[in-house]
Amino acid sequence: MVESQNFASARFMTVAEVADVMRVSKMTVYRLVHSGELPAVRFGRSYRVPENAVQEYLRAAGFGRDFNTG
């Protein structure tokens, strides 16, 4: 059974946005997604990464401060 969650409030970022925040190339983000280190959802031919997943990845990497995407 699927957990009841409010996905309307979920914020997603494009691969380019994630690369900009992390200051890496888009290819690096794609590698993280394909390796499973960074969760993502595929929409058609593109990927969207949950904003909180990026925050958690950076926090786990030692960057404890939250970031502002815009």
PDB file of N, CA and C in Angstrom:
ATOM      1  N   MET A   1       0.842  -1.184   0.000  1.00  0.00           N
ATOM      2  CA  MET A   1       0.000   0.000   0.000  1.00  0.00           C
ATOM      3  C   MET A   1       0.883   1.241   0.000  1.00  0.00           C
ATOM      4  N   VAL A   2       0.479   2.249  -0.721  1.00  0.00           N
ATOM      5  CA  VAL A   2       1.250   3.484  -0.843  1.00  0.00           C
ATOM      6  C   VAL A   2       0.977   4.370   0.359  1.00  0.00           C
ATOM      7  N   GLU A   3       2.063   4.946   0.910  1.00  0.00           N
ATOM      8  CA  GLU A   3       1.897   5.858   2.037  1.00  0.00           C
ATOM      9  C   GLU A   3       1.186   7.116   1.581  1.00  0.00           C
ATOM     10  N   SER A   4       0.391   7.667   2.461  1.00  0.00           N
ATOM     11  CA  SER A   4      -0.317   8.902   2.151  1.00  0.00           C
ATOM     12  C   SER A   4       0.621  10.083   2.367  1.00  0.00           C
ATOM     13  N   GLN A   5       0.991  10.758   1.282  1.00  0.00           N
ATOM     14  CA  GLN A   5       1.883  11.908   1.347  1.00  0.00           C
ATOM     15  C   GLN A   5       1.302  13.026   0.501  1.00  0.00           C
ATOM     16  N   ASN A   6       1.692  14.236   0.840  1.00  0.00           N
ATOM     17  CA  ASN A   6       1.246  15.385   0.068  1.00  0.00           C
ATOM     18  C   ASN A   6       2.326  15.742  -0.936  1.00  0.00           C
ATOM     19  N   PHE A   7       2.201  15.236  -2.157  1.00  0.00           N
ATOM     20  CA  PHE A   7       3.207  15.492  -3.176  1.00  0.00           C
ATOM     21  C   PHE A   7       3.031  16.859  -3.823  1.00  0.00           C
ATOM     22  N   ALA A   8       1.922  17.528  -3.551  1.00  0.00           N
ATOM     23  CA  ALA A   8       1.714  18.855  -4.116  1.00  0.00           C
ATOM     24  C   ALA A   8       2.727  19.847  -3.572  1.00  0.00           C
ATOM     25  N   SER A   9       3.234  19.612  -2.371  1.00  0.00           N
ATOM     26  CA  SER A   9       4.193  20.530  -1.782  1.00  0.00           C
ATOM     27  C   SER A   9       5.639  20.152  -2.102  1.00  0.00           C
ATOM     28  N   ALA A  10       5.851  19.019  -2.777  1.00  0.00           N
ATOM     29  CA  ALA A  10       7.206  18.598  -3.128  1.00  0.00           C
ATOM     30  C   ALA A  10       7.764  19.534  -4.196  1.00  0.00           C
ATOM     31  N   ARG A  11       9.021  19.924  -4.010  1.00  0.00           N
ATOM     32  CA  ARG A  11       9.687  20.797  -4.971  1.00  0.00           C
ATOM     33  C   ARG A  11      10.763  19.991  -5.677  1.00  0.00           C
ATOM     34  N   PHE A  12      10.779  20.081  -6.989  1.00  0.00           N
ATOM     35  CA  PHE A  12      11.732  19.347  -7.798  1.00  0.00           C
ATOM     36  C   PHE A  12      12.654  20.301  -8.529  1.00  0.00           C
ATOM     37  N   MET A  13      13.884  19.855  -8.747  1.00  0.00           N
ATOM     38  CA  MET A  13      14.882  20.648  -9.444  1.00  0.00           C
ATOM     39  C   MET A  13      15.330  19.903 -10.699  1.00  0.00           C
ATOM     40  N   THR A  14      15.678  20.654 -11.736  1.00  0.00           N
ATOM     41  CA  THR A  14      16.230  20.038 -12.929  1.00  0.00           C
ATOM     42  C   THR A  14      17.680  19.660 -12.668  1.00  0.00           C
ATOM     43  N   VAL A  15      18.234  18.847 -13.544  1.00  0.00           N
ATOM     44  CA  VAL A  15      19.640  18.460 -13.427  1.00  0.00           C
ATOM     45  C   VAL A  15      20.526  19.703 -13.513  1.00  0.00           C
ATOM     46  N   ALA A  16      20.185  20.632 -14.387  1.00  0.00           N
ATOM     47  CA  ALA A  16      20.973  21.864 -14.521  1.00  0.00           C
ATOM     48  C   ALA A  16      20.932  22.693 -13.236  1.00  0.00           C
ATOM     49  N   GLU A  17      19.771  22.761 -12.595  1.00  0.00           N
ATOM     50  CA  GLU A  17      19.658  23.498 -11.335  1.00  0.00           C
ATOM     51  C   GLU A  17      20.479  22.844 -10.232  1.00  0.00           C
ATOM     52  N   VAL A  18      20.444  21.513 -10.176  1.00  0.00           N
ATOM     53  CA  VAL A  18      21.223  20.792  -9.171  1.00  0.00           C
ATOM     54  C   VAL A  18      22.716  21.030  -9.420  1.00  0.00           C
ATOM     55  N   ALA A  19      23.126  20.956 -10.677  1.00  0.00           N
ATOM     56  CA  ALA A  19      24.536  21.183 -11.017  1.00  0.00           C
ATOM     57  C   ALA A  19      24.968  22.587 -10.609  1.00  0.00           C
ATOM     58  N   ASP A  20      24.102  23.566 -10.803  1.00  0.00           N
ATOM     59  CA  ASP A  20      24.422  24.943 -10.441  1.00  0.00           C
ATOM     60  C   ASP A  20      24.573  25.085  -8.925  1.00  0.00           C
ATOM     61  N   VAL A  21      23.668  24.495  -8.174  1.00  0.00           N
ATOM     62  CA  VAL A  21      23.719  24.580  -6.709  1.00  0.00           C
ATOM     63  C   VAL A  21      24.964  23.876  -6.173  1.00  0.00           C
ATOM     64  N   MET A  22      25.255  22.709  -6.736  1.00  0.00           N
ATOM     65  CA  MET A  22      26.394  21.933  -6.262  1.00  0.00           C
ATOM     66  C   MET A  22      27.716  22.387  -6.877  1.00  0.00           C
ATOM     67  N   ARG A  23      27.629  23.256  -7.880  1.00  0.00           N
ATOM     68  CA  ARG A  23      28.809  23.760  -8.601  1.00  0.00           C
ATOM     69  C   ARG A  23      29.627  22.625  -9.210  1.00  0.00           C
ATOM     70  N   VAL A  24      28.889  21.742  -9.898  1.00  0.00           N
ATOM     71  CA  VAL A  24      29.503  20.644 -10.642  1.00  0.00           C
ATOM     72  C   VAL A  24      28.878  20.623 -12.030  1.00  0.00           C
ATOM     73  N   SER A  25      29.366  19.751 -12.893  1.00  0.00           N
ATOM     74  CA  SER A  25      28.796  19.659 -14.232  1.00  0.00           C
ATOM     75  C   SER A  25      27.497  18.853 -14.204  1.00  0.00           C
ATOM     76  N   LYS A  26      26.704  19.007 -15.255  1.00  0.00           N
ATOM     77  CA  LYS A  26      25.469  18.221 -15.359  1.00  0.00           C
ATOM     78  C   LYS A  26      25.794  16.735 -15.438  1.00  0.00           C
ATOM     79  N   MET A  27      26.907  16.386 -16.080  1.00  0.00           N
ATOM     80  CA  MET A  27      27.295  14.979 -16.189  1.00  0.00           C
ATOM     81  C   MET A  27      27.550  14.380 -14.807  1.00  0.00           C
ATOM     82  N   THR A  28      28.129  15.154 -13.904  1.00  0.00           N
ATOM     83  CA  THR A  28      28.353  14.674 -12.539  1.00  0.00           C
ATOM     84  C   THR A  28      27.026  14.379 -11.853  1.00  0.00           C
ATOM     85  N   VAL A  29      26.043  15.240 -12.055  1.00  0.00           N
ATOM     86  CA  VAL A  29      24.717  15.017 -11.466  1.00  0.00           C
ATOM     87  C   VAL A  29      24.102  13.752 -12.055  1.00  0.00           C
ATOM     88  N   TYR A  30      24.208  13.578 -13.386  1.00  0.00           N
ATOM     89  CA  TYR A  30      23.687  12.364 -14.009  1.00  0.00           C
ATOM     90  C   TYR A  30      24.367  11.122 -13.435  1.00  0.00           C
ATOM     91  N   ARG A  31      25.663  11.182 -13.182  1.00  0.00           N
ATOM     92  CA  ARG A  31      26.375  10.042 -12.596  1.00  0.00           C
ATOM     93  C   ARG A  31      25.841   9.742 -11.199  1.00  0.00           C
ATOM     94  N   LEU A  32      25.602  10.781 -10.399  1.00  0.00           N
ATOM     95  CA  LEU A  32      25.060  10.584  -9.057  1.00  0.00           C
ATOM     96  C   LEU A  32      23.671   9.954  -9.118  1.00  0.00           C
ATOM     97  N   VAL A  33      22.863  10.394 -10.070  1.00  0.00           N
ATOM     98  CA  VAL A  33      21.510   9.849 -10.227  1.00  0.00           C
ATOM     99  C   VAL A  33      21.576   8.385 -10.653  1.00  0.00           C
ATOM    100  N   HIS A  34      22.386   8.093 -11.659  1.00  0.00           N
ATOM    101  CA  HIS A  34      22.461   6.722 -12.168  1.00  0.00           C
ATOM    102  C   HIS A  34      23.085   5.759 -11.167  1.00  0.00           C
ATOM    103  N   SER A  35      23.974   6.247 -10.312  1.00  0.00           N
ATOM    104  CA  SER A  35      24.587   5.377  -9.305  1.00  0.00           C
ATOM    105  C   SER A  35      23.669   5.158  -8.106  1.00  0.00           C
ATOM    106  N   GLY A  36      22.617   5.970  -8.004  1.00  0.00           N
ATOM    107  CA  GLY A  36      21.688   5.841  -6.890  1.00  0.00           C
ATOM    108  C   GLY A  36      22.052   6.693  -5.688  1.00  0.00           C
ATOM    109  N   GLU A  37      23.146   7.458  -5.775  1.00  0.00           N
ATOM    110  CA  GLU A  37      23.552   8.315  -4.662  1.00  0.00           C
ATOM    111  C   GLU A  37      22.612   9.501  -4.485  1.00  0.00           C
ATOM    112  N   LEU A  38      21.991   9.915  -5.575  1.00  0.00           N
ATOM    113  CA  LEU A  38      21.058  11.044  -5.551  1.00  0.00           C
ATOM    114  C   LEU A  38      19.746  10.575  -6.165  1.00  0.00           C
ATOM    115  N   PRO A  39      18.685  10.491  -5.361  1.00  0.00           N
ATOM    116  CA  PRO A  39      17.413  10.011  -5.902  1.00  0.00           C
ATOM    117  C   PRO A  39      16.822  11.004  -6.886  1.00  0.00           C
ATOM    118  N   ALA A  40      16.161  10.473  -7.894  1.00  0.00           N
ATOM    119  CA  ALA A  40      15.541  11.318  -8.910  1.00  0.00           C
ATOM    120  C   ALA A  40      14.329  10.601  -9.493  1.00  0.00           C
ATOM    121  N   VAL A  41      13.469  11.390 -10.101  1.00  0.00           N
ATOM    122  CA  VAL A  41      12.281  10.869 -10.766  1.00  0.00           C
ATOM    123  C   VAL A  41      12.419  11.191 -12.246  1.00  0.00           C
ATOM    124  N   ARG A  42      12.109  10.227 -13.074  1.00  0.00           N
ATOM    125  CA  ARG A  42      12.212  10.451 -14.512  1.00  0.00           C
ATOM    126  C   ARG A  42      10.857  10.893 -15.057  1.00  0.00           C
ATOM    127  N   PHE A  43      10.854  12.028 -15.739  1.00  0.00           N
ATOM    128  CA  PHE A  43       9.674  12.553 -16.410  1.00  0.00           C
ATOM    129  C   PHE A  43       9.986  12.578 -17.892  1.00  0.00           C
ATOM    130  N   GLY A  44       9.421  11.623 -18.629  1.00  0.00           N
ATOM    131  CA  GLY A  44       9.739  11.552 -20.052  1.00  0.00           C
ATOM    132  C   GLY A  44      11.210  11.234 -20.229  1.00  0.00           C
ATOM    133  N   ARG A  45      11.918  12.132 -20.912  1.00  0.00           N
ATOM    134  CA  ARG A  45      13.346  11.917 -21.156  1.00  0.00           C
ATOM    135  C   ARG A  45      14.234  12.689 -20.186  1.00  0.00           C
ATOM    136  N   SER A  46      13.652  13.375 -19.232  1.00  0.00           N
ATOM    137  CA  SER A  46      14.452  14.177 -18.298  1.00  0.00           C
ATOM    138  C   SER A  46      14.261  13.689 -16.869  1.00  0.00           C
ATOM    139  N   TYR A  47      15.174  14.113 -16.011  1.00  0.00           N
ATOM    140  CA  TYR A  47      15.124  13.758 -14.602  1.00  0.00           C
ATOM    141  C   TYR A  47      14.810  14.985 -13.769  1.00  0.00           C
ATOM    142  N   ARG A  48      14.109  14.756 -12.669  1.00  0.00           N
ATOM    143  CA  ARG A  48      13.864  15.804 -11.684  1.00  0.00           C
ATOM    144  C   ARG A  48      14.302  15.253 -10.331  1.00  0.00           C
ATOM    145  N   VAL A  49      15.012  16.092  -9.597  1.00  0.00           N
ATOM    146  CA  VAL A  49      15.566  15.682  -8.313  1.00  0.00           C
ATOM    147  C   VAL A  49      14.813  16.425  -7.216  1.00  0.00           C
ATOM    148  N   PRO A  50      14.302  15.716  -6.220  1.00  0.00           N
ATOM    149  CA  PRO A  50      13.627  16.407  -5.110  1.00  0.00           C
ATOM    150  C   PRO A  50      14.608  17.350  -4.405  1.00  0.00           C
ATOM    151  N   GLU A  51      14.145  18.557  -4.139  1.00  0.00           N
ATOM    152  CA  GLU A  51      14.988  19.559  -3.500  1.00  0.00           C
ATOM    153  C   GLU A  51      15.536  19.061  -2.164  1.00  0.00           C
ATOM    154  N   ASN A  52      14.705  18.373  -1.396  1.00  0.00           N
ATOM    155  CA  ASN A  52      15.170  17.889  -0.090  1.00  0.00           C
ATOM    156  C   ASN A  52      16.241  16.806  -0.240  1.00  0.00           C
ATOM    157  N   ALA A  53      16.252  16.080  -1.357  1.00  0.00           N
ATOM    158  CA  ALA A  53      17.294  15.083  -1.595  1.00  0.00           C
ATOM    159  C   ALA A  53      18.640  15.757  -1.831  1.00  0.00           C
ATOM    160  N   VAL A  54      18.632  16.892  -2.517  1.00  0.00           N
ATOM    161  CA  VAL A  54      19.863  17.644  -2.739  1.00  0.00           C
ATOM    162  C   VAL A  54      20.371  18.187  -1.407  1.00  0.00           C
ATOM    163  N   GLN A  55      19.469  18.729  -0.604  1.00  0.00           N
ATOM    164  CA  GLN A  55      19.855  19.251   0.709  1.00  0.00           C
ATOM    165  C   GLN A  55      20.452  18.140   1.569  1.00  0.00           C
ATOM    166  N   GLU A  56      19.821  16.978   1.572  1.00  0.00           N
ATOM    167  CA  GLU A  56      20.302  15.852   2.377  1.00  0.00           C
ATOM    168  C   GLU A  56      21.655  15.359   1.867  1.00  0.00           C
ATOM    169  N   TYR A  57      21.836  15.308   0.561  1.00  0.00           N
ATOM    170  CA  TYR A  57      23.114  14.878  -0.004  1.00  0.00           C
ATOM    171  C   TYR A  57      24.231  15.831   0.421  1.00  0.00           C
ATOM    172  N   LEU A  58      23.986  17.126   0.331  1.00  0.00           N
ATOM    173  CA  LEU A  58      24.990  18.111   0.720  1.00  0.00           C
ATOM    174  C   LEU A  58      25.257  18.066   2.219  1.00  0.00           C
ATOM    175  N   ARG A  59      24.210  17.866   3.011  1.00  0.00           N
ATOM    176  CA  ARG A  59      24.361  17.769   4.462  1.00  0.00           C
ATOM    177  C   ARG A  59      25.238  16.559   4.807  1.00  0.00           C
ATOM    178  N   ALA A  60      24.981  15.430   4.148  1.00  0.00           N
ATOM    179  CA  ALA A  60      25.757  14.216   4.396  1.00  0.00           C
ATOM    180  C   ALA A  60      27.206  14.374   3.941  1.00  0.00           C
ATOM    181  N   ALA A  61      27.420  15.237   2.959  1.00  0.00           N
ATOM    182  CA  ALA A  61      28.772  15.479   2.448  1.00  0.00           C
ATOM    183  C   ALA A  61      29.545  16.457   3.304  1.00  0.00           C
ATOM    184  N   GLY A  62      28.884  17.001   4.333  1.00  0.00           N
ATOM    185  CA  GLY A  62      29.567  17.900   5.250  1.00  0.00           C
ATOM    186  C   GLY A  62      29.218  19.346   5.108  1.00  0.00           C
ATOM    187  N   PHE A  63      28.238  19.651   4.285  1.00  0.00           N
ATOM    188  CA  PHE A  63      27.788  21.031   4.135  1.00  0.00           C
ATOM    189  C   PHE A  63      26.482  21.186   4.907  1.00  0.00           C
ATOM    190  N   GLY A  64      26.578  21.615   6.170  1.00  0.00           N
ATOM    191  CA  GLY A  64      25.437  21.625   7.066  1.00  0.00           C
ATOM    192  C   GLY A  64      24.454  22.750   6.842  1.00  0.00           C
ATOM    193  N   ARG A  65      24.871  23.814   6.164  1.00  0.00           N
ATOM    194  CA  ARG A  65      23.950  24.930   5.979  1.00  0.00           C
ATOM    195  C   ARG A  65      22.994  24.654   4.835  1.00  0.00           C
ATOM    196  N   ASP A  66      21.763  25.117   5.002  1.00  0.00           N
ATOM    197  CA  ASP A  66      20.777  25.016   3.929  1.00  0.00           C
ATOM    198  C   ASP A  66      21.141  25.998   2.828  1.00  0.00           C
ATOM    199  N   PHE A  67      20.697  25.698   1.636  1.00  0.00           N
ATOM    200  CA  PHE A  67      20.950  26.575   0.515  1.00  0.00           C
ATOM    201  C   PHE A  67      19.641  27.180   0.053  1.00  0.00           C
ATOM    202  N   ASN A  68      19.737  28.237  -0.714  1.00  0.00           N
ATOM    203  CA  ASN A  68      18.555  28.894  -1.249  1.00  0.00           C
ATOM    204  C   ASN A  68      18.593  28.786  -2.750  1.00  0.00           C
ATOM    205  N   THR A  69      17.549  28.161  -3.342  1.00  0.00           N
ATOM    206  CA  THR A  69      17.543  27.921  -4.786  1.00  0.00           C
ATOM    207  C   THR A  69      16.921  29.084  -5.551  1.00  0.00           C
ATOM    208  N   GLY A  70      16.507  30.083  -4.900  1.00  0.00           N
ATOM    209  CA  GLY A  70      15.970  31.186  -5.699  1.00  0.00           C
ATOM    210  C   GLY A  70      15.005  31.900  -4.950  1.00  0.00           C
TER     211      GLY A  70
END
